[in-house]
Amino acid sequence: MDLRTVDRGRTDVQTTGYDVTMSALHNTRADGIRIGLACSLVACMLLSSCLSQKAPDLGDRALAFEAKSLDGQPLTFKPVSRRVHLLYFWADWCPRCEDDFHLMEKLYQQWSTQAEAPRFLAIDVGQTEEHVRNFVKRMKISFPIYMDHDGKVARSFGVKGLPTYFVIDRQGVIRHVILGWADEKTLLAEIAKIE
């Protein structure tokens, strides 16, 4: 930007082609910094799991845990079950999670009518209930969301980034882990291998 065009916080539209005030640029930077700090905080919480305990790996039995849904319903997760489990750790600031939710809603609608279908557990990491409620409402999500406010459940599973999927068989063994975005074909193929 040509500094000669800056006059009282406004950039000359004719010089740059953009009508942007300096305060708008500072607000955008501040928003970016806030998002970056939030991401860093969650990353630190997740990475601290490496120091505190050994998380289960592929072939290990998944850990039991307790959580509450966004609606306050308690969950006691027991890895050994008559159903395959798909655990999905997420936060709405991760760029891919929003796309994942369209797929998760589709799968949840299909699976909710089948008694032996995989059980899907979406676990939000480190966000407030109000924030998550707004996201759920905007995305028109019908499946339950479980809250992991302090990241304890994510740390116990050794989650290193979001989103992360764990496919757990009926014996409670972690059979597949996907760090990052998963397409429907890959996800269903991994589940089909153990059904």
N, C-alpha and C. Protein backbone atom coordinates (compact mmCIF):
# COMPACT_ATOMS: atom_id res chain seq x y z
N MET A 1 0.85 -1.17 0.00
CA MET A 1 0.00 0.00 0.00
C MET A 1 0.89 1.23 0.00
N ASP A 2 0.59 2.22 -0.78
CA ASP A 2 1.31 3.49 -0.83
C ASP A 2 0.90 4.31 0.39
N LEU A 3 1.88 4.60 1.28
CA LEU A 3 1.58 5.32 2.51
C LEU A 3 1.04 6.72 2.25
N ARG A 4 1.31 7.28 1.09
CA ARG A 4 0.79 8.61 0.78
C ARG A 4 -0.73 8.61 0.63
N THR A 5 -1.31 7.44 0.45
CA THR A 5 -2.75 7.39 0.25
C THR A 5 -3.52 7.30 1.57
N VAL A 6 -2.81 7.07 2.67
CA VAL A 6 -3.47 6.94 3.96
C VAL A 6 -3.70 8.32 4.55
N ASP A 7 -4.95 8.65 4.81
CA ASP A 7 -5.29 9.93 5.39
C ASP A 7 -6.40 9.72 6.40
N ARG A 8 -6.08 9.91 7.66
CA ARG A 8 -7.06 9.76 8.75
C ARG A 8 -7.73 8.39 8.75
N GLY A 9 -6.95 7.31 8.59
CA GLY A 9 -7.48 5.96 8.71
C GLY A 9 -8.19 5.44 7.49
N ARG A 10 -8.14 6.12 6.38
CA ARG A 10 -8.83 5.66 5.19
C ARG A 10 -7.83 5.48 4.06
N THR A 11 -8.01 4.40 3.30
CA THR A 11 -7.15 4.14 2.16
C THR A 11 -7.83 4.67 0.91
N ASP A 12 -7.06 5.29 0.06
CA ASP A 12 -7.58 5.86 -1.19
C ASP A 12 -8.04 4.73 -2.11
N VAL A 13 -9.32 4.72 -2.42
CA VAL A 13 -9.91 3.67 -3.26
C VAL A 13 -9.30 3.68 -4.65
N GLN A 14 -9.02 4.82 -5.17
CA GLN A 14 -8.52 4.90 -6.55
C GLN A 14 -7.11 4.33 -6.66
N THR A 15 -6.32 4.40 -5.59
CA THR A 15 -4.96 3.88 -5.66
C THR A 15 -4.92 2.37 -5.52
N THR A 16 -5.71 1.81 -4.58
CA THR A 16 -5.62 0.38 -4.30
C THR A 16 -6.74 -0.43 -4.93
N GLY A 17 -7.85 0.21 -5.22
CA GLY A 17 -8.99 -0.53 -5.74
C GLY A 17 -9.88 -1.08 -4.64
N TYR A 18 -9.52 -0.84 -3.38
CA TYR A 18 -10.30 -1.35 -2.26
C TYR A 18 -10.68 -0.20 -1.35
N ASP A 19 -11.87 -0.23 -0.82
CA ASP A 19 -12.33 0.77 0.13
C ASP A 19 -12.27 0.15 1.52
N VAL A 20 -11.14 0.27 2.18
CA VAL A 20 -10.91 -0.36 3.47
C VAL A 20 -10.39 0.68 4.44
N THR A 21 -11.02 0.78 5.60
CA THR A 21 -10.50 1.68 6.62
C THR A 21 -9.43 0.97 7.41
N MET A 22 -8.53 1.72 7.99
CA MET A 22 -7.46 1.13 8.80
C MET A 22 -8.06 0.45 10.03
N SER A 23 -9.12 1.00 10.60
CA SER A 23 -9.72 0.36 11.78
C SER A 23 -10.31 -1.00 11.41
N ALA A 24 -10.85 -1.12 10.20
CA ALA A 24 -11.37 -2.41 9.75
C ALA A 24 -10.24 -3.43 9.63
N LEU A 25 -9.09 -2.98 9.13
CA LEU A 25 -7.94 -3.88 9.04
C LEU A 25 -7.48 -4.31 10.42
N HIS A 26 -7.46 -3.40 11.38
CA HIS A 26 -7.06 -3.74 12.75
C HIS A 26 -8.05 -4.71 13.38
N ASN A 27 -9.36 -4.53 13.13
CA ASN A 27 -10.36 -5.45 13.66
C ASN A 27 -10.18 -6.84 13.08
N THR A 28 -9.89 -6.93 11.80
CA THR A 28 -9.66 -8.22 11.16
C THR A 28 -8.44 -8.89 11.76
N ARG A 29 -7.38 -8.12 11.98
CA ARG A 29 -6.18 -8.68 12.61
C ARG A 29 -6.48 -9.14 14.03
N ALA A 30 -7.24 -8.35 14.78
CA ALA A 30 -7.58 -8.72 16.16
C ALA A 30 -8.39 -10.01 16.18
N ASP A 31 -9.35 -10.14 15.25
CA ASP A 31 -10.12 -11.38 15.18
C ASP A 31 -9.22 -12.56 14.87
N GLY A 32 -8.30 -12.36 13.94
CA GLY A 32 -7.35 -13.42 13.59
C GLY A 32 -6.48 -13.80 14.77
N ILE A 33 -6.06 -12.81 15.54
CA ILE A 33 -5.23 -13.10 16.72
C ILE A 33 -6.04 -13.87 17.75
N ARG A 34 -7.29 -13.47 17.97
CA ARG A 34 -8.13 -14.18 18.94
C ARG A 34 -8.35 -15.63 18.51
N ILE A 35 -8.61 -15.85 17.25
CA ILE A 35 -8.80 -17.22 16.75
C ILE A 35 -7.51 -18.01 16.89
N GLY A 36 -6.40 -17.38 16.57
CA GLY A 36 -5.10 -18.04 16.70
C GLY A 36 -4.80 -18.42 18.13
N LEU A 37 -5.11 -17.53 19.08
CA LEU A 37 -4.89 -17.83 20.50
C LEU A 37 -5.79 -18.98 20.97
N ALA A 38 -7.03 -18.98 20.53
CA ALA A 38 -7.95 -20.07 20.90
C ALA A 38 -7.44 -21.40 20.37
N CYS A 39 -6.99 -21.40 19.11
CA CYS A 39 -6.46 -22.62 18.51
C CYS A 39 -5.22 -23.09 19.27
N SER A 40 -4.35 -22.15 19.64
CA SER A 40 -3.14 -22.48 20.37
C SER A 40 -3.46 -23.07 21.73
N LEU A 41 -4.45 -22.51 22.41
CA LEU A 41 -4.84 -23.02 23.73
C LEU A 41 -5.32 -24.46 23.63
N VAL A 42 -6.20 -24.75 22.68
CA VAL A 42 -6.70 -26.11 22.52
C VAL A 42 -5.57 -27.05 22.12
N ALA A 43 -4.69 -26.60 21.22
CA ALA A 43 -3.55 -27.43 20.81
C ALA A 43 -2.66 -27.75 22.00
N CYS A 44 -2.42 -26.77 22.87
CA CYS A 44 -1.60 -27.00 24.06
C CYS A 44 -2.27 -28.01 24.99
N MET A 45 -3.59 -27.89 25.14
CA MET A 45 -4.31 -28.84 26.00
C MET A 45 -4.18 -30.25 25.44
N LEU A 46 -4.32 -30.37 24.13
CA LEU A 46 -4.26 -31.68 23.51
C LEU A 46 -2.85 -32.26 23.54
N LEU A 47 -1.87 -31.44 23.25
CA LEU A 47 -0.49 -31.92 23.22
C LEU A 47 0.05 -32.23 24.62
N SER A 48 -0.52 -31.61 25.64
CA SER A 48 -0.06 -31.90 27.00
C SER A 48 -0.35 -33.35 27.39
N SER A 49 -1.25 -34.00 26.65
CA SER A 49 -1.56 -35.40 26.93
C SER A 49 -0.33 -36.27 26.75
N CYS A 50 0.56 -35.87 25.89
CA CYS A 50 1.77 -36.66 25.66
C CYS A 50 2.63 -36.75 26.92
N LEU A 51 2.55 -35.72 27.75
CA LEU A 51 3.37 -35.68 28.94
C LEU A 51 2.70 -36.34 30.14
N SER A 52 1.38 -36.37 30.19
CA SER A 52 0.69 -36.77 31.40
C SER A 52 0.35 -38.26 31.48
N GLN A 53 0.04 -38.91 30.39
CA GLN A 53 -0.35 -40.32 30.43
C GLN A 53 -0.23 -40.92 29.06
N LYS A 54 -0.16 -42.25 29.04
CA LYS A 54 -0.09 -42.93 27.75
C LYS A 54 -1.50 -43.13 27.23
N ALA A 55 -1.74 -42.61 26.07
CA ALA A 55 -3.06 -42.73 25.44
C ALA A 55 -3.11 -44.06 24.69
N PRO A 56 -4.30 -44.60 24.53
CA PRO A 56 -4.43 -45.84 23.75
C PRO A 56 -4.06 -45.59 22.29
N ASP A 57 -3.53 -46.62 21.67
CA ASP A 57 -3.12 -46.53 20.28
C ASP A 57 -3.93 -47.55 19.48
N LEU A 58 -3.67 -47.63 18.18
CA LEU A 58 -4.31 -48.65 17.35
C LEU A 58 -4.08 -50.02 17.97
N GLY A 59 -5.13 -50.79 18.05
CA GLY A 59 -5.02 -52.13 18.62
C GLY A 59 -5.20 -52.18 20.12
N ASP A 60 -5.21 -51.04 20.78
CA ASP A 60 -5.44 -50.97 22.23
C ASP A 60 -6.93 -50.82 22.49
N ARG A 61 -7.30 -51.19 23.71
CA ARG A 61 -8.70 -50.97 24.10
C ARG A 61 -8.92 -49.50 24.38
N ALA A 62 -10.02 -48.97 23.90
CA ALA A 62 -10.39 -47.58 24.16
C ALA A 62 -10.70 -47.41 25.64
N LEU A 63 -10.56 -46.22 26.13
CA LEU A 63 -10.82 -45.91 27.52
C LEU A 63 -12.29 -45.59 27.75
N ALA A 64 -12.79 -45.98 28.90
CA ALA A 64 -14.12 -45.56 29.30
C ALA A 64 -14.05 -44.10 29.74
N PHE A 65 -15.15 -43.39 29.59
CA PHE A 65 -15.19 -42.00 30.06
C PHE A 65 -16.63 -41.59 30.31
N GLU A 66 -16.76 -40.47 30.99
CA GLU A 66 -18.08 -39.89 31.25
C GLU A 66 -18.11 -38.49 30.68
N ALA A 67 -19.27 -38.10 30.19
CA ALA A 67 -19.45 -36.76 29.65
C ALA A 67 -20.92 -36.41 29.75
N LYS A 68 -21.23 -35.16 29.48
CA LYS A 68 -22.63 -34.72 29.42
C LYS A 68 -22.90 -34.16 28.05
N SER A 69 -24.13 -34.39 27.61
CA SER A 69 -24.51 -33.84 26.31
C SER A 69 -24.79 -32.35 26.46
N LEU A 70 -24.91 -31.69 25.36
CA LEU A 70 -25.25 -30.27 25.34
C LEU A 70 -26.58 -30.03 26.04
N ASP A 71 -27.45 -31.04 26.02
CA ASP A 71 -28.75 -30.95 26.69
C ASP A 71 -28.71 -31.42 28.14
N GLY A 72 -27.51 -31.73 28.64
CA GLY A 72 -27.36 -32.12 30.04
C GLY A 72 -27.54 -33.60 30.33
N GLN A 73 -27.71 -34.42 29.29
CA GLN A 73 -27.87 -35.86 29.48
C GLN A 73 -26.51 -36.51 29.72
N PRO A 74 -26.40 -37.33 30.78
CA PRO A 74 -25.11 -37.97 31.07
C PRO A 74 -24.80 -39.10 30.08
N LEU A 75 -23.53 -39.27 29.82
CA LEU A 75 -23.04 -40.36 28.97
C LEU A 75 -21.96 -41.09 29.75
N THR A 76 -22.12 -42.40 29.85
CA THR A 76 -21.04 -43.24 30.37
C THR A 76 -20.63 -44.13 29.21
N PHE A 77 -19.47 -43.82 28.63
CA PHE A 77 -19.00 -44.57 27.47
C PHE A 77 -18.24 -45.79 27.96
N LYS A 78 -18.72 -46.95 27.56
CA LYS A 78 -18.05 -48.22 27.84
C LYS A 78 -17.63 -48.79 26.50
N PRO A 79 -16.33 -48.97 26.30
CA PRO A 79 -15.85 -49.37 24.96
C PRO A 79 -16.36 -50.73 24.48
N VAL A 80 -16.57 -51.69 25.41
CA VAL A 80 -17.07 -52.99 24.99
C VAL A 80 -18.59 -52.87 24.87
N SER A 81 -19.10 -53.17 23.68
CA SER A 81 -20.51 -52.93 23.41
C SER A 81 -20.97 -53.85 22.29
N ARG A 82 -22.27 -53.94 22.12
CA ARG A 82 -22.79 -54.72 20.98
C ARG A 82 -22.72 -53.92 19.69
N ARG A 83 -22.24 -52.68 19.78
CA ARG A 83 -22.19 -51.82 18.60
C ARG A 83 -20.77 -51.29 18.37
N VAL A 84 -20.50 -51.01 17.11
CA VAL A 84 -19.28 -50.29 16.73
C VAL A 84 -19.48 -48.84 17.13
N HIS A 85 -18.42 -48.19 17.58
CA HIS A 85 -18.51 -46.77 17.95
C HIS A 85 -17.65 -45.93 17.02
N LEU A 86 -18.16 -44.76 16.70
CA LEU A 86 -17.40 -43.76 15.97
C LEU A 86 -17.33 -42.53 16.87
N LEU A 87 -16.14 -42.28 17.42
CA LEU A 87 -15.93 -41.09 18.24
C LEU A 87 -15.37 -40.00 17.34
N TYR A 88 -15.93 -38.82 17.45
CA TYR A 88 -15.54 -37.70 16.60
C TYR A 88 -15.24 -36.50 17.50
N PHE A 89 -13.95 -36.16 17.64
CA PHE A 89 -13.53 -35.01 18.42
C PHE A 89 -13.45 -33.81 17.49
N TRP A 90 -14.03 -32.68 17.90
CA TRP A 90 -14.15 -31.55 16.99
C TRP A 90 -14.22 -30.24 17.77
N ALA A 91 -14.11 -29.14 17.05
CA ALA A 91 -14.42 -27.79 17.52
C ALA A 91 -14.82 -26.99 16.29
N ASP A 92 -15.67 -26.00 16.48
CA ASP A 92 -16.19 -25.31 15.29
C ASP A 92 -15.17 -24.40 14.62
N TRP A 93 -14.06 -24.09 15.29
CA TRP A 93 -13.06 -23.25 14.65
C TRP A 93 -12.20 -24.02 13.65
N CYS A 94 -12.26 -25.36 13.69
CA CYS A 94 -11.45 -26.11 12.72
C CYS A 94 -12.15 -26.03 11.36
N PRO A 95 -11.42 -25.66 10.32
CA PRO A 95 -12.03 -25.40 9.01
C PRO A 95 -12.80 -26.58 8.43
N ARG A 96 -12.37 -27.80 8.69
CA ARG A 96 -13.00 -28.97 8.08
C ARG A 96 -14.21 -29.48 8.86
N CYS A 97 -14.31 -29.10 10.15
CA CYS A 97 -15.38 -29.66 10.97
C CYS A 97 -16.77 -29.32 10.44
N GLU A 98 -16.94 -28.14 9.90
CA GLU A 98 -18.25 -27.76 9.38
C GLU A 98 -18.67 -28.68 8.24
N ASP A 99 -17.74 -28.98 7.34
CA ASP A 99 -18.04 -29.92 6.25
C ASP A 99 -18.33 -31.32 6.80
N ASP A 100 -17.55 -31.72 7.82
CA ASP A 100 -17.76 -33.03 8.43
C ASP A 100 -19.16 -33.16 9.00
N PHE A 101 -19.69 -32.06 9.54
CA PHE A 101 -21.00 -32.14 10.18
C PHE A 101 -22.11 -32.46 9.18
N HIS A 102 -21.97 -32.05 7.95
CA HIS A 102 -22.96 -32.42 6.93
C HIS A 102 -22.95 -33.95 6.74
N LEU A 103 -21.75 -34.53 6.67
CA LEU A 103 -21.63 -35.98 6.54
C LEU A 103 -22.14 -36.68 7.79
N MET A 104 -21.77 -36.17 8.97
CA MET A 104 -22.18 -36.80 10.22
C MET A 104 -23.70 -36.79 10.38
N GLU A 105 -24.33 -35.70 9.99
CA GLU A 105 -25.79 -35.62 10.07
C GLU A 105 -26.43 -36.66 9.14
N LYS A 106 -25.89 -36.79 7.95
CA LYS A 106 -26.39 -37.78 7.00
C LYS A 106 -26.27 -39.20 7.56
N LEU A 107 -25.09 -39.53 8.11
CA LEU A 107 -24.88 -40.86 8.67
C LEU A 107 -25.76 -41.09 9.90
N TYR A 108 -25.88 -40.07 10.73
CA TYR A 108 -26.71 -40.20 11.93
C TYR A 108 -28.16 -40.49 11.54
N GLN A 109 -28.67 -39.81 10.54
CA GLN A 109 -30.04 -40.05 10.09
C GLN A 109 -30.22 -41.49 9.59
N GLN A 110 -29.22 -42.01 8.87
CA GLN A 110 -29.28 -43.38 8.37
C GLN A 110 -29.19 -44.38 9.53
N TRP A 111 -28.26 -44.15 10.43
CA TRP A 111 -27.99 -45.10 11.51
C TRP A 111 -29.05 -45.08 12.60
N SER A 112 -29.72 -43.97 12.80
CA SER A 112 -30.67 -43.86 13.92
C SER A 112 -31.86 -44.80 13.77
N THR A 113 -32.09 -45.31 12.59
CA THR A 113 -33.22 -46.23 12.38
C THR A 113 -32.80 -47.69 12.44
N GLN A 114 -31.51 -47.95 12.64
CA GLN A 114 -30.98 -49.31 12.64
C GLN A 114 -30.44 -49.66 14.03
N ALA A 115 -30.98 -50.73 14.62
CA ALA A 115 -30.62 -51.11 16.00
C ALA A 115 -29.14 -51.46 16.15
N GLU A 116 -28.56 -52.09 15.17
CA GLU A 116 -27.16 -52.53 15.26
C GLU A 116 -26.18 -51.61 14.54
N ALA A 117 -26.65 -50.47 14.11
CA ALA A 117 -25.79 -49.53 13.38
C ALA A 117 -24.72 -48.96 14.31
N PRO A 118 -23.64 -48.45 13.75
CA PRO A 118 -22.62 -47.83 14.59
C PRO A 118 -23.21 -46.70 15.44
N ARG A 119 -22.65 -46.53 16.61
CA ARG A 119 -23.08 -45.45 17.49
C ARG A 119 -22.11 -44.28 17.30
N PHE A 120 -22.67 -43.14 16.99
CA PHE A 120 -21.87 -41.96 16.69
C PHE A 120 -21.85 -41.03 17.89
N LEU A 121 -20.65 -40.66 18.36
CA LEU A 121 -20.50 -39.75 19.49
C LEU A 121 -19.64 -38.56 19.06
N ALA A 122 -20.27 -37.39 18.98
CA ALA A 122 -19.56 -36.16 18.62
C ALA A 122 -19.17 -35.45 19.91
N ILE A 123 -17.88 -35.21 20.09
CA ILE A 123 -17.37 -34.64 21.34
C ILE A 123 -16.69 -33.31 21.04
N ASP A 124 -17.30 -32.24 21.51
CA ASP A 124 -16.72 -30.91 21.34
C ASP A 124 -15.61 -30.72 22.36
N VAL A 125 -14.49 -30.17 21.90
CA VAL A 125 -13.33 -30.00 22.77
C VAL A 125 -13.11 -28.52 23.07
N GLY A 126 -13.22 -28.17 24.34
CA GLY A 126 -12.77 -26.88 24.84
C GLY A 126 -13.62 -25.66 24.56
N GLN A 127 -14.87 -25.83 24.21
CA GLN A 127 -15.70 -24.66 23.91
C GLN A 127 -16.84 -24.54 24.92
N THR A 128 -17.45 -23.36 24.98
CA THR A 128 -18.56 -23.15 25.90
C THR A 128 -19.84 -23.72 25.32
N GLU A 129 -20.79 -24.02 26.21
CA GLU A 129 -22.06 -24.56 25.75
C GLU A 129 -22.80 -23.57 24.86
N GLU A 130 -22.77 -22.31 25.24
CA GLU A 130 -23.46 -21.29 24.43
C GLU A 130 -22.90 -21.23 23.02
N HIS A 131 -21.57 -21.28 22.92
CA HIS A 131 -20.92 -21.24 21.61
C HIS A 131 -21.34 -22.46 20.77
N VAL A 132 -21.32 -23.62 21.40
CA VAL A 132 -21.67 -24.85 20.67
C VAL A 132 -23.14 -24.85 20.29
N ARG A 133 -24.01 -24.37 21.18
CA ARG A 133 -25.44 -24.29 20.86
C ARG A 133 -25.69 -23.45 19.61
N ASN A 134 -25.00 -22.33 19.52
CA ASN A 134 -25.15 -21.47 18.34
C ASN A 134 -24.71 -22.19 17.07
N PHE A 135 -23.61 -22.93 17.16
CA PHE A 135 -23.11 -23.69 16.01
C PHE A 135 -24.10 -24.77 15.60
N VAL A 136 -24.59 -25.53 16.59
CA VAL A 136 -25.54 -26.62 16.34
C VAL A 136 -26.82 -26.08 15.69
N LYS A 137 -27.29 -24.96 16.20
CA LYS A 137 -28.50 -24.35 15.64
C LYS A 137 -28.28 -23.91 14.20
N ARG A 138 -27.15 -23.26 13.95
CA ARG A 138 -26.85 -22.79 12.60
C ARG A 138 -26.71 -23.95 11.62
N MET A 139 -26.11 -25.06 12.07
CA MET A 139 -25.88 -26.21 11.20
C MET A 139 -27.08 -27.15 11.12
N LYS A 140 -28.11 -26.90 11.94
CA LYS A 140 -29.32 -27.75 11.95
C LYS A 140 -28.96 -29.21 12.24
N ILE A 141 -28.24 -29.42 13.33
CA ILE A 141 -27.75 -30.74 13.72
C ILE A 141 -28.78 -31.40 14.63
N SER A 142 -29.07 -32.68 14.38
CA SER A 142 -30.03 -33.40 15.21
C SER A 142 -29.37 -34.40 16.14
N PHE A 143 -28.11 -34.74 15.91
CA PHE A 143 -27.46 -35.73 16.77
C PHE A 143 -26.93 -35.07 18.05
N PRO A 144 -26.79 -35.87 19.12
CA PRO A 144 -26.33 -35.29 20.39
C PRO A 144 -24.85 -34.89 20.31
N ILE A 145 -24.56 -33.80 20.99
CA ILE A 145 -23.18 -33.31 21.10
C ILE A 145 -22.77 -33.46 22.56
N TYR A 146 -21.62 -34.05 22.79
CA TYR A 146 -21.09 -34.21 24.15
C TYR A 146 -19.98 -33.20 24.37
N MET A 147 -19.92 -32.69 25.60
CA MET A 147 -19.01 -31.59 25.92
C MET A 147 -17.77 -32.10 26.64
N ASP A 148 -16.62 -31.65 26.18
CA ASP A 148 -15.33 -31.93 26.82
C ASP A 148 -14.68 -30.57 27.08
N HIS A 149 -15.25 -29.83 28.04
CA HIS A 149 -14.84 -28.44 28.29
C HIS A 149 -13.35 -28.28 28.53
N ASP A 150 -12.79 -29.17 29.34
CA ASP A 150 -11.39 -29.02 29.73
C ASP A 150 -10.43 -29.87 28.89
N GLY A 151 -10.95 -30.58 27.91
CA GLY A 151 -10.11 -31.39 27.03
C GLY A 151 -9.64 -32.69 27.66
N LYS A 152 -10.19 -33.06 28.80
CA LYS A 152 -9.74 -34.26 29.51
C LYS A 152 -9.96 -35.54 28.70
N VAL A 153 -11.13 -35.65 28.08
CA VAL A 153 -11.43 -36.86 27.29
C VAL A 153 -10.52 -36.91 26.06
N ALA A 154 -10.37 -35.78 25.40
CA ALA A 154 -9.49 -35.72 24.22
C ALA A 154 -8.06 -36.09 24.60
N ARG A 155 -7.57 -35.57 25.73
CA ARG A 155 -6.21 -35.91 26.18
C ARG A 155 -6.08 -37.40 26.47
N SER A 156 -7.11 -37.98 27.08
CA SER A 156 -7.04 -39.40 27.43
C SER A 156 -6.94 -40.27 26.18
N PHE A 157 -7.48 -39.80 25.06
CA PHE A 157 -7.38 -40.53 23.80
C PHE A 157 -6.16 -40.11 22.97
N GLY A 158 -5.38 -39.16 23.47
CA GLY A 158 -4.18 -38.74 22.75
C GLY A 158 -4.48 -37.93 21.50
N VAL A 159 -5.61 -37.22 21.49
CA VAL A 159 -5.97 -36.41 20.33
C VAL A 159 -4.94 -35.31 20.15
N LYS A 160 -4.37 -35.22 18.95
CA LYS A 160 -3.32 -34.24 18.67
C LYS A 160 -3.77 -33.11 17.76
N GLY A 161 -4.96 -33.21 17.22
CA GLY A 161 -5.50 -32.19 16.33
C GLY A 161 -6.98 -32.45 16.09
N LEU A 162 -7.64 -31.47 15.58
CA LEU A 162 -9.08 -31.58 15.33
C LEU A 162 -9.37 -31.33 13.86
N PRO A 163 -10.26 -32.06 13.28
CA PRO A 163 -11.03 -33.17 13.85
C PRO A 163 -10.21 -34.45 13.92
N THR A 164 -10.60 -35.35 14.83
CA THR A 164 -10.02 -36.68 14.92
C THR A 164 -11.15 -37.68 15.12
N TYR A 165 -11.10 -38.75 14.34
CA TYR A 165 -12.08 -39.83 14.42
C TYR A 165 -11.41 -41.07 15.01
N PHE A 166 -12.16 -41.81 15.84
CA PHE A 166 -11.74 -43.12 16.33
C PHE A 166 -12.84 -44.11 15.97
N VAL A 167 -12.48 -45.17 15.27
CA VAL A 167 -13.41 -46.26 14.97
C VAL A 167 -13.08 -47.38 15.95
N ILE A 168 -14.07 -47.74 16.78
CA ILE A 168 -13.86 -48.69 17.87
C ILE A 168 -14.78 -49.89 17.66
N ASP A 169 -14.19 -51.10 17.70
CA ASP A 169 -14.99 -52.30 17.44
C ASP A 169 -15.80 -52.72 18.67
N ARG A 170 -16.55 -53.80 18.54
CA ARG A 170 -17.45 -54.25 19.62
C ARG A 170 -16.70 -54.74 20.86
N GLN A 171 -15.44 -55.10 20.70
CA GLN A 171 -14.63 -55.52 21.85
C GLN A 171 -13.94 -54.32 22.50
N GLY A 172 -14.22 -53.13 21.97
CA GLY A 172 -13.65 -51.92 22.55
C GLY A 172 -12.26 -51.58 22.04
N VAL A 173 -11.83 -52.24 20.98
CA VAL A 173 -10.48 -52.04 20.43
C VAL A 173 -10.52 -50.93 19.37
N ILE A 174 -9.54 -50.04 19.46
CA ILE A 174 -9.42 -48.97 18.46
C ILE A 174 -8.88 -49.58 17.18
N ARG A 175 -9.70 -49.57 16.15
CA ARG A 175 -9.32 -50.22 14.89
C ARG A 175 -8.83 -49.24 13.84
N HIS A 176 -9.22 -47.97 13.96
CA HIS A 176 -8.78 -46.99 12.97
C HIS A 176 -8.86 -45.60 13.58
N VAL A 177 -7.87 -44.77 13.25
CA VAL A 177 -7.86 -43.37 13.70
C VAL A 177 -7.65 -42.50 12.46
N ILE A 178 -8.48 -41.48 12.34
CA ILE A 178 -8.34 -40.53 11.24
C ILE A 178 -8.12 -39.16 11.84
N LEU A 179 -6.97 -38.58 11.57
CA LEU A 179 -6.68 -37.21 12.00
C LEU A 179 -6.94 -36.31 10.81
N GLY A 180 -7.92 -35.43 10.95
CA GLY A 180 -8.29 -34.54 9.86
C GLY A 180 -9.57 -35.01 9.20
N TRP A 181 -9.85 -34.45 8.05
CA TRP A 181 -11.09 -34.68 7.35
C TRP A 181 -11.19 -36.11 6.83
N ALA A 182 -12.38 -36.69 6.92
CA ALA A 182 -12.62 -38.03 6.39
C ALA A 182 -13.76 -37.98 5.39
N ASP A 183 -13.56 -38.56 4.24
CA ASP A 183 -14.66 -38.62 3.28
C ASP A 183 -15.54 -39.82 3.61
N GLU A 184 -16.76 -39.77 3.11
CA GLU A 184 -17.75 -40.80 3.44
C GLU A 184 -17.29 -42.19 3.05
N LYS A 185 -16.72 -42.32 1.88
CA LYS A 185 -16.30 -43.64 1.38
C LYS A 185 -15.27 -44.26 2.30
N THR A 186 -14.25 -43.49 2.68
CA THR A 186 -13.19 -43.99 3.55
C THR A 186 -13.75 -44.38 4.91
N LEU A 187 -14.55 -43.52 5.46
CA LEU A 187 -15.11 -43.75 6.79
C LEU A 187 -15.98 -45.01 6.80
N LEU A 188 -16.86 -45.14 5.84
CA LEU A 188 -17.73 -46.32 5.78
C LEU A 188 -16.94 -47.60 5.50
N ALA A 189 -15.88 -47.50 4.70
CA ALA A 189 -15.05 -48.67 4.42
C ALA A 189 -14.36 -49.16 5.69
N GLU A 190 -13.86 -48.23 6.51
CA GLU A 190 -13.21 -48.62 7.76
C GLU A 190 -14.20 -49.27 8.73
N ILE A 191 -15.40 -48.72 8.78
CA ILE A 191 -16.42 -49.30 9.66
C ILE A 191 -16.84 -50.67 9.15
N ALA A 192 -16.98 -50.82 7.83
CA ALA A 192 -17.40 -52.09 7.23
C ALA A 192 -16.38 -53.19 7.51
N LYS A 193 -15.11 -52.86 7.62
CA LYS A 193 -14.07 -53.86 7.88
C LYS A 193 -14.29 -54.58 9.21
N ILE A 194 -14.93 -53.93 10.15
CA ILE A 194 -15.06 -54.52 11.47
C ILE A 194 -16.49 -54.92 11.81
N GLU A 195 -17.43 -54.70 10.92
CA GLU A 195 -18.82 -55.08 11.22
C GLU A 195 -19.08 -56.49 10.89
